[in-house]
Amino acid sequence: MKVEEVYQYAPTMQPRRLISAGVGRVPAGFPSPSQDYSDTKIDLNQMLIKDELSTFVVRVSGDSMEDAGIFDGDELIVDRSIEPHDGHVVIAVVDGEMTVKRLRVTDTGVVLQAENAQYPDVTVPELSDLVVWGVATRCLHRL
């Protein structure tokens, strides 16, 4: 899976418009007639963005991360201030090529793991130029 486009997160200087959250949680089973209605306001920026200066949105292409819920054309919210650890979904640059994979740190080195059985894992050779550009924190895709 490749990174197609990168956008820097740019919050507006205008007051944020809050979205009304009609209910707290929505059950996926049978609706509850006793559930209370709430008119709570939520701020999507506050919910999705931890560090505005370090946040980017990347559009991805390909299907190597489908089993992680990341599909062709999805956009990932990426935080460059998070220290990458084993198991994180990362934006990695290997020998100048940007990709989205799950980071695996093993005793023998670094592996960039695809989340689709049709794609092999990428074992990063010791002398390769590897930069973990950022950690994906959210995936945005249309239903």
N, C-alpha and C. Protein backbone atom coordinates (compact mmCIF):
# COMPACT_ATOMS: atom_id res chain seq x y z
N MET A 1 0.86 -1.16 0.00
CA MET A 1 0.00 0.00 0.00
C MET A 1 0.89 1.22 0.00
N LYS A 2 0.64 2.13 -0.92
CA LYS A 2 1.46 3.32 -1.05
C LYS A 2 0.71 4.56 -0.61
N VAL A 3 1.47 5.56 -0.25
CA VAL A 3 0.90 6.85 0.09
C VAL A 3 0.71 7.62 -1.20
N GLU A 4 -0.52 8.04 -1.45
CA GLU A 4 -0.85 8.74 -2.68
C GLU A 4 -0.68 10.25 -2.53
N GLU A 5 -1.16 10.82 -1.42
CA GLU A 5 -1.08 12.25 -1.18
C GLU A 5 -0.87 12.48 0.30
N VAL A 6 -0.21 13.59 0.62
CA VAL A 6 0.02 13.99 2.01
C VAL A 6 -0.50 15.41 2.17
N TYR A 7 -1.32 15.63 3.20
CA TYR A 7 -1.85 16.95 3.50
C TYR A 7 -1.47 17.31 4.92
N GLN A 8 -1.03 18.54 5.13
CA GLN A 8 -0.78 18.97 6.50
C GLN A 8 -2.10 19.38 7.11
N TYR A 9 -2.32 18.98 8.34
CA TYR A 9 -3.53 19.37 9.05
C TYR A 9 -3.45 20.86 9.30
N ALA A 10 -4.48 21.59 8.91
CA ALA A 10 -4.49 23.04 9.06
C ALA A 10 -5.80 23.47 9.70
N PRO A 11 -5.82 23.56 11.02
CA PRO A 11 -7.06 24.00 11.67
C PRO A 11 -7.34 25.45 11.32
N THR A 12 -8.60 25.78 11.19
CA THR A 12 -8.96 27.16 10.89
C THR A 12 -8.85 27.99 12.15
N MET A 13 -8.66 29.27 11.97
CA MET A 13 -8.56 30.17 13.11
C MET A 13 -9.95 30.61 13.57
N GLN A 14 -10.97 30.23 12.83
CA GLN A 14 -12.34 30.58 13.20
C GLN A 14 -12.78 29.66 14.34
N PRO A 15 -13.77 30.10 15.08
CA PRO A 15 -14.30 29.21 16.13
C PRO A 15 -14.79 27.92 15.50
N ARG A 16 -14.52 26.82 16.16
CA ARG A 16 -14.92 25.52 15.64
C ARG A 16 -16.42 25.32 15.81
N ARG A 17 -17.02 24.78 14.78
CA ARG A 17 -18.44 24.46 14.84
C ARG A 17 -18.58 23.07 15.45
N LEU A 18 -19.32 22.97 16.50
CA LEU A 18 -19.49 21.70 17.17
C LEU A 18 -20.67 20.96 16.57
N ILE A 19 -20.54 19.65 16.55
CA ILE A 19 -21.60 18.79 16.01
C ILE A 19 -22.39 18.23 17.17
N SER A 20 -23.69 18.24 17.04
CA SER A 20 -24.55 17.72 18.09
C SER A 20 -24.53 16.20 18.06
N ALA A 21 -24.25 15.61 19.19
CA ALA A 21 -24.27 14.15 19.31
C ALA A 21 -25.61 13.79 19.92
N GLY A 22 -26.54 13.33 19.11
CA GLY A 22 -27.90 13.06 19.55
C GLY A 22 -27.99 12.00 20.63
N VAL A 23 -27.13 10.99 20.57
CA VAL A 23 -27.14 9.92 21.57
C VAL A 23 -25.71 9.60 21.93
N GLY A 24 -25.53 9.03 23.11
CA GLY A 24 -24.20 8.67 23.56
C GLY A 24 -23.62 7.52 22.77
N ARG A 25 -24.26 6.37 22.84
CA ARG A 25 -23.82 5.19 22.11
C ARG A 25 -25.01 4.64 21.36
N VAL A 26 -24.74 4.10 20.18
CA VAL A 26 -25.80 3.52 19.37
C VAL A 26 -25.61 2.02 19.34
N PRO A 27 -26.56 1.24 19.86
CA PRO A 27 -26.40 -0.21 19.86
C PRO A 27 -26.53 -0.77 18.44
N ALA A 28 -25.78 -1.81 18.16
CA ALA A 28 -25.85 -2.45 16.85
C ALA A 28 -26.93 -3.52 16.83
N GLY A 29 -27.49 -3.82 17.97
CA GLY A 29 -28.56 -4.83 18.05
C GLY A 29 -29.92 -4.17 17.98
N PHE A 30 -30.80 -4.54 18.89
CA PHE A 30 -32.15 -3.98 18.91
C PHE A 30 -32.14 -2.62 19.61
N PRO A 31 -32.89 -1.65 19.09
CA PRO A 31 -32.91 -0.33 19.74
C PRO A 31 -33.59 -0.41 21.11
N SER A 32 -33.13 0.43 22.00
CA SER A 32 -33.69 0.46 23.34
C SER A 32 -34.64 1.65 23.46
N PRO A 33 -35.92 1.40 23.71
CA PRO A 33 -36.84 2.52 23.83
C PRO A 33 -36.59 3.35 25.08
N SER A 34 -35.79 2.84 26.01
CA SER A 34 -35.55 3.57 27.25
C SER A 34 -34.31 4.45 27.18
N GLN A 35 -33.61 4.43 26.05
CA GLN A 35 -32.37 5.21 25.96
C GLN A 35 -32.70 6.70 25.98
N ASP A 36 -31.98 7.41 26.81
CA ASP A 36 -32.21 8.85 26.93
C ASP A 36 -31.63 9.58 25.74
N TYR A 37 -32.26 10.65 25.35
CA TYR A 37 -31.76 11.51 24.28
C TYR A 37 -30.83 12.53 24.90
N SER A 38 -29.70 12.75 24.26
CA SER A 38 -28.73 13.71 24.75
C SER A 38 -28.42 14.70 23.65
N ASP A 39 -28.24 15.94 24.01
CA ASP A 39 -27.90 16.97 23.03
C ASP A 39 -26.48 17.46 23.29
N THR A 40 -25.56 16.54 23.53
CA THR A 40 -24.18 16.85 23.82
C THR A 40 -23.47 17.28 22.54
N LYS A 41 -22.60 18.28 22.64
CA LYS A 41 -21.82 18.74 21.50
C LYS A 41 -20.44 18.09 21.54
N ILE A 42 -19.95 17.71 20.36
CA ILE A 42 -18.60 17.14 20.28
C ILE A 42 -17.76 17.94 19.30
N ASP A 43 -16.47 17.95 19.51
CA ASP A 43 -15.53 18.63 18.63
C ASP A 43 -14.67 17.55 17.98
N LEU A 44 -14.87 17.32 16.68
CA LEU A 44 -14.12 16.26 15.99
C LEU A 44 -12.62 16.54 16.00
N ASN A 45 -12.21 17.79 15.93
CA ASN A 45 -10.79 18.10 16.01
C ASN A 45 -10.21 17.64 17.35
N GLN A 46 -10.93 17.90 18.39
CA GLN A 46 -10.47 17.51 19.73
C GLN A 46 -10.43 15.99 19.86
N MET A 47 -11.40 15.31 19.24
CA MET A 47 -11.46 13.85 19.35
C MET A 47 -10.39 13.16 18.49
N LEU A 48 -10.07 13.73 17.33
CA LEU A 48 -9.22 13.04 16.36
C LEU A 48 -7.77 13.53 16.33
N ILE A 49 -7.52 14.75 16.75
CA ILE A 49 -6.19 15.36 16.63
C ILE A 49 -5.58 15.59 18.00
N LYS A 50 -4.44 14.96 18.24
CA LYS A 50 -3.76 15.11 19.53
C LYS A 50 -2.77 16.28 19.48
N ASP A 51 -2.00 16.38 18.40
CA ASP A 51 -0.98 17.41 18.26
C ASP A 51 -1.15 18.06 16.89
N GLU A 52 -1.77 19.25 16.86
CA GLU A 52 -2.09 19.89 15.58
C GLU A 52 -0.86 20.14 14.70
N LEU A 53 0.25 20.52 15.30
CA LEU A 53 1.44 20.85 14.51
C LEU A 53 2.11 19.63 13.90
N SER A 54 1.88 18.47 14.48
CA SER A 54 2.53 17.25 14.01
C SER A 54 1.58 16.33 13.24
N THR A 55 0.38 16.80 12.94
CA THR A 55 -0.63 15.95 12.32
C THR A 55 -0.74 16.21 10.83
N PHE A 56 -0.81 15.11 10.10
CA PHE A 56 -0.97 15.14 8.65
C PHE A 56 -2.06 14.16 8.27
N VAL A 57 -2.63 14.34 7.10
CA VAL A 57 -3.58 13.40 6.55
C VAL A 57 -2.98 12.85 5.27
N VAL A 58 -2.92 11.54 5.13
CA VAL A 58 -2.38 10.93 3.92
C VAL A 58 -3.46 10.09 3.25
N ARG A 59 -3.53 10.17 1.94
CA ARG A 59 -4.45 9.31 1.17
C ARG A 59 -3.62 8.14 0.67
N VAL A 60 -4.15 6.94 0.85
CA VAL A 60 -3.40 5.74 0.49
C VAL A 60 -4.00 5.06 -0.74
N SER A 61 -3.18 4.28 -1.40
CA SER A 61 -3.65 3.49 -2.53
C SER A 61 -3.13 2.07 -2.38
N GLY A 62 -3.93 1.12 -2.83
CA GLY A 62 -3.54 -0.28 -2.74
C GLY A 62 -4.38 -1.03 -1.73
N ASP A 63 -4.14 -2.34 -1.65
CA ASP A 63 -4.97 -3.17 -0.77
C ASP A 63 -4.16 -4.04 0.20
N SER A 64 -2.90 -3.69 0.41
CA SER A 64 -2.07 -4.53 1.27
C SER A 64 -2.39 -4.41 2.76
N MET A 65 -3.26 -3.45 3.14
CA MET A 65 -3.59 -3.27 4.56
C MET A 65 -5.07 -3.48 4.85
N GLU A 66 -5.78 -4.17 3.95
CA GLU A 66 -7.22 -4.36 4.10
C GLU A 66 -7.61 -5.06 5.39
N ASP A 67 -6.83 -6.04 5.83
CA ASP A 67 -7.18 -6.76 7.06
C ASP A 67 -7.02 -5.89 8.30
N ALA A 68 -6.39 -4.73 8.17
CA ALA A 68 -6.30 -3.76 9.26
C ALA A 68 -7.41 -2.72 9.13
N GLY A 69 -8.28 -2.88 8.12
CA GLY A 69 -9.38 -1.95 7.92
C GLY A 69 -9.00 -0.72 7.12
N ILE A 70 -7.87 -0.77 6.42
CA ILE A 70 -7.41 0.35 5.59
C ILE A 70 -7.57 -0.07 4.14
N PHE A 71 -8.37 0.69 3.40
CA PHE A 71 -8.71 0.33 2.02
C PHE A 71 -8.20 1.38 1.04
N ASP A 72 -8.12 0.98 -0.23
CA ASP A 72 -7.69 1.87 -1.31
C ASP A 72 -8.51 3.16 -1.28
N GLY A 73 -7.84 4.29 -1.26
CA GLY A 73 -8.51 5.59 -1.25
C GLY A 73 -8.82 6.14 0.13
N ASP A 74 -8.59 5.34 1.18
CA ASP A 74 -8.82 5.83 2.54
C ASP A 74 -7.81 6.92 2.88
N GLU A 75 -8.16 7.70 3.88
CA GLU A 75 -7.26 8.72 4.39
C GLU A 75 -6.90 8.37 5.83
N LEU A 76 -5.63 8.48 6.14
CA LEU A 76 -5.15 8.19 7.48
C LEU A 76 -4.76 9.49 8.16
N ILE A 77 -5.13 9.62 9.43
CA ILE A 77 -4.62 10.71 10.25
C ILE A 77 -3.31 10.22 10.83
N VAL A 78 -2.25 10.96 10.58
CA VAL A 78 -0.90 10.54 10.96
C VAL A 78 -0.30 11.57 11.90
N ASP A 79 0.20 11.09 13.04
CA ASP A 79 0.83 11.96 14.03
C ASP A 79 2.33 11.68 14.02
N ARG A 80 3.08 12.69 13.65
CA ARG A 80 4.53 12.53 13.57
C ARG A 80 5.21 12.69 14.93
N SER A 81 4.47 13.10 15.96
CA SER A 81 5.07 13.28 17.27
C SER A 81 5.07 12.00 18.10
N ILE A 82 4.36 10.98 17.64
CA ILE A 82 4.29 9.71 18.38
C ILE A 82 5.52 8.87 18.07
N GLU A 83 6.16 8.37 19.11
CA GLU A 83 7.30 7.48 18.91
C GLU A 83 6.79 6.12 18.44
N PRO A 84 7.27 5.65 17.29
CA PRO A 84 6.77 4.38 16.76
C PRO A 84 7.25 3.19 17.58
N HIS A 85 6.34 2.25 17.79
CA HIS A 85 6.65 1.03 18.53
C HIS A 85 6.15 -0.18 17.74
N ASP A 86 6.62 -1.34 18.13
CA ASP A 86 6.18 -2.59 17.53
C ASP A 86 4.66 -2.68 17.57
N GLY A 87 4.05 -2.97 16.43
CA GLY A 87 2.61 -3.11 16.35
C GLY A 87 1.89 -1.89 15.81
N HIS A 88 2.53 -0.74 15.79
CA HIS A 88 1.91 0.46 15.23
C HIS A 88 1.76 0.34 13.71
N VAL A 89 0.70 0.93 13.17
CA VAL A 89 0.60 1.11 11.73
C VAL A 89 1.33 2.41 11.45
N VAL A 90 2.32 2.33 10.56
CA VAL A 90 3.19 3.48 10.33
C VAL A 90 3.25 3.85 8.85
N ILE A 91 3.64 5.09 8.63
CA ILE A 91 4.03 5.54 7.31
C ILE A 91 5.55 5.45 7.34
N ALA A 92 6.10 4.57 6.50
CA ALA A 92 7.54 4.34 6.48
C ALA A 92 8.09 4.73 5.12
N VAL A 93 9.30 5.24 5.14
CA VAL A 93 10.01 5.55 3.90
C VAL A 93 11.20 4.61 3.84
N VAL A 94 11.17 3.69 2.86
CA VAL A 94 12.25 2.73 2.70
C VAL A 94 12.93 3.02 1.37
N ASP A 95 14.21 3.37 1.45
CA ASP A 95 15.00 3.71 0.26
C ASP A 95 14.25 4.70 -0.64
N GLY A 96 13.63 5.71 0.00
CA GLY A 96 12.96 6.78 -0.74
C GLY A 96 11.52 6.51 -1.13
N GLU A 97 11.00 5.32 -0.85
CA GLU A 97 9.63 4.97 -1.20
C GLU A 97 8.75 4.95 0.04
N MET A 98 7.63 5.72 0.00
CA MET A 98 6.72 5.82 1.14
C MET A 98 5.68 4.72 1.07
N THR A 99 5.46 4.05 2.21
CA THR A 99 4.50 2.95 2.27
C THR A 99 3.77 2.94 3.61
N VAL A 100 2.65 2.25 3.67
CA VAL A 100 1.88 2.06 4.91
C VAL A 100 1.97 0.59 5.28
N LYS A 101 2.46 0.31 6.48
CA LYS A 101 2.59 -1.08 6.94
C LYS A 101 2.53 -1.10 8.47
N ARG A 102 2.40 -2.31 9.01
CA ARG A 102 2.48 -2.48 10.46
C ARG A 102 3.94 -2.71 10.82
N LEU A 103 4.43 -1.96 11.78
CA LEU A 103 5.83 -2.05 12.20
C LEU A 103 6.01 -3.23 13.14
N ARG A 104 6.96 -4.08 12.80
CA ARG A 104 7.34 -5.19 13.66
C ARG A 104 8.83 -5.09 13.92
N VAL A 105 9.18 -5.01 15.19
CA VAL A 105 10.59 -4.96 15.58
C VAL A 105 10.92 -6.30 16.20
N THR A 106 11.84 -7.04 15.55
CA THR A 106 12.18 -8.39 16.00
C THR A 106 13.64 -8.42 16.45
N ASP A 107 14.05 -9.56 16.97
CA ASP A 107 15.45 -9.73 17.38
C ASP A 107 16.39 -9.65 16.18
N THR A 108 15.88 -9.97 15.00
CA THR A 108 16.73 -9.98 13.81
C THR A 108 16.63 -8.70 12.98
N GLY A 109 15.75 -7.77 13.37
CA GLY A 109 15.65 -6.52 12.64
C GLY A 109 14.22 -6.01 12.54
N VAL A 110 14.02 -5.15 11.56
CA VAL A 110 12.73 -4.51 11.37
C VAL A 110 11.99 -5.16 10.21
N VAL A 111 10.70 -5.42 10.43
CA VAL A 111 9.84 -5.98 9.39
C VAL A 111 8.66 -5.04 9.23
N LEU A 112 8.33 -4.72 7.98
CA LEU A 112 7.12 -3.96 7.68
C LEU A 112 6.10 -4.97 7.20
N GLN A 113 5.08 -5.18 8.01
CA GLN A 113 4.13 -6.28 7.80
C GLN A 113 2.90 -5.79 7.05
N ALA A 114 2.59 -6.48 5.97
CA ALA A 114 1.35 -6.24 5.24
C ALA A 114 0.21 -6.87 6.02
N GLU A 115 -0.98 -6.32 5.90
CA GLU A 115 -2.16 -6.88 6.55
C GLU A 115 -3.10 -7.44 5.48
N ASN A 116 -2.53 -8.23 4.60
CA ASN A 116 -3.27 -8.92 3.54
C ASN A 116 -2.39 -10.11 3.16
N ALA A 117 -2.93 -11.31 3.26
CA ALA A 117 -2.15 -12.54 3.02
C ALA A 117 -1.57 -12.61 1.61
N GLN A 118 -2.09 -11.82 0.67
CA GLN A 118 -1.59 -11.84 -0.70
C GLN A 118 -0.27 -11.08 -0.86
N TYR A 119 0.16 -10.39 0.19
CA TYR A 119 1.38 -9.58 0.12
C TYR A 119 2.40 -10.09 1.11
N PRO A 120 3.66 -10.17 0.71
CA PRO A 120 4.70 -10.61 1.64
C PRO A 120 5.09 -9.48 2.59
N ASP A 121 5.60 -9.84 3.74
CA ASP A 121 6.17 -8.86 4.65
C ASP A 121 7.46 -8.33 4.03
N VAL A 122 7.81 -7.11 4.40
CA VAL A 122 9.05 -6.51 3.89
C VAL A 122 10.06 -6.51 5.03
N THR A 123 11.05 -7.37 4.91
CA THR A 123 12.14 -7.37 5.88
C THR A 123 13.12 -6.31 5.44
N VAL A 124 13.35 -5.34 6.29
CA VAL A 124 14.20 -4.20 5.93
C VAL A 124 15.66 -4.61 6.13
N PRO A 125 16.42 -4.66 5.03
CA PRO A 125 17.84 -5.01 5.16
C PRO A 125 18.58 -3.99 6.04
N GLU A 126 19.60 -4.47 6.73
CA GLU A 126 20.33 -3.65 7.69
C GLU A 126 20.87 -2.36 7.08
N LEU A 127 21.30 -2.40 5.84
CA LEU A 127 21.90 -1.22 5.23
C LEU A 127 20.89 -0.35 4.47
N SER A 128 19.62 -0.67 4.57
CA SER A 128 18.59 0.14 3.90
C SER A 128 18.38 1.44 4.64
N ASP A 129 17.90 2.41 3.89
CA ASP A 129 17.56 3.70 4.46
C ASP A 129 16.09 3.64 4.88
N LEU A 130 15.82 3.49 6.19
CA LEU A 130 14.48 3.40 6.71
C LEU A 130 14.19 4.59 7.62
N VAL A 131 13.09 5.29 7.34
CA VAL A 131 12.62 6.36 8.20
C VAL A 131 11.15 6.09 8.49
N VAL A 132 10.81 6.01 9.76
CA VAL A 132 9.40 5.92 10.12
C VAL A 132 8.91 7.36 10.20
N TRP A 133 8.13 7.75 9.19
CA TRP A 133 7.72 9.14 8.99
C TRP A 133 6.64 9.55 9.98
N GLY A 134 5.77 8.62 10.36
CA GLY A 134 4.71 8.94 11.31
C GLY A 134 3.91 7.71 11.67
N VAL A 135 3.07 7.85 12.69
CA VAL A 135 2.22 6.76 13.17
C VAL A 135 0.77 7.10 12.84
N ALA A 136 0.09 6.17 12.19
CA ALA A 136 -1.32 6.36 11.86
C ALA A 136 -2.14 6.20 13.14
N THR A 137 -3.03 7.16 13.37
CA THR A 137 -3.86 7.11 14.58
C THR A 137 -5.32 6.83 14.27
N ARG A 138 -5.77 7.18 13.07
CA ARG A 138 -7.16 6.97 12.66
C ARG A 138 -7.21 6.71 11.16
N CYS A 139 -8.21 5.95 10.75
CA CYS A 139 -8.46 5.71 9.34
C CYS A 139 -9.84 6.27 9.00
N LEU A 140 -9.91 7.06 7.95
CA LEU A 140 -11.16 7.65 7.51
C LEU A 140 -11.54 7.02 6.18
N HIS A 141 -12.71 6.40 6.12
CA HIS A 141 -13.18 5.90 4.84
C HIS A 141 -14.70 5.98 4.76
N ARG A 142 -15.16 6.06 3.54
CA ARG A 142 -16.60 6.19 3.30
C ARG A 142 -17.28 4.85 3.49
N LEU A 143 -18.50 4.88 3.91
CA LEU A 143 -19.29 3.66 4.08
C LEU A 143 -20.06 3.39 2.81
